[in-house]
Amino acid sequence: MARPRLLPDPVGLKFVNMETPPDWDAEFGFPGPLELEMGSGAGGHALEYCRRNPGVRYVAFEWRKKYARDTLNRGEKLGLKNLRVIEADARAVVPRIFAPGSLSAVHLQFPDPWWKRAHFKRAIIQPDFARLLLDRLAPGGRFDLRTDVEDRGRGMLAILEEAGFVNPLGRGAFHPYDPEEVPSTRERRYLQSGEPVYRARLVKPG
């Protein structure tokens, strides 16, 4: 894969500095479902998802500047009008720029597992933030979770279910692979190699 192009300026900076949610209809220029991805990495999922779903307004967070800026640059070259990329830690910005009940879906794919116990507090799925994400989702909204680390997946599932998300397959159950899903750059490698991916598709009670 080509090295990500590093654009000179941070992307999505105007959103980082907002204290209240923007007018998303005005920002995108059209109404429609509003979806969030936390940790979009190399951008494979965000770019393909936006291409397949042009009516969805998609906001992708990635704190690593080289990936955030490269994703935006590639999206612009593809002519995607429904993608916004924000170079920031989602935990600091999401509470301010999304109103309660405004999101139709949240995507979290292959978050850093933070192997050392002392670093667990850095994991993005913590009880308070899980409750906040539930609040920001509309009733019936989806939480799409994927990881390659089984025990971290089980831990995140437990936190999300305790926060109020419903697992249609039962508490603690992972979901089978759906070929209609859009894989991330990382997941494509796993699909080719046969390495396991642990998936969950949770919903907010409606």
Foldseek 3Di string as FASTA:
>chain_A
DDQQDQDDDFFPVVLLPFQAADPVCVVLVHDAAEEEEFACDQVQQVQVVCVVCVRYQYEYEHQPRSNQVSNVVVSVVVVRSRYGYHNDHCVNRVLHHAAFQRHQEYEYEADDLQPDPVCNVVGPQDLVVLLSVLRRHHAFHKYKYKHLDLVSVQVSQVSNVVSAWAFPVDRSDFDDDDPVRRDRPVVVVCVVVVRDMTITIIGHHD
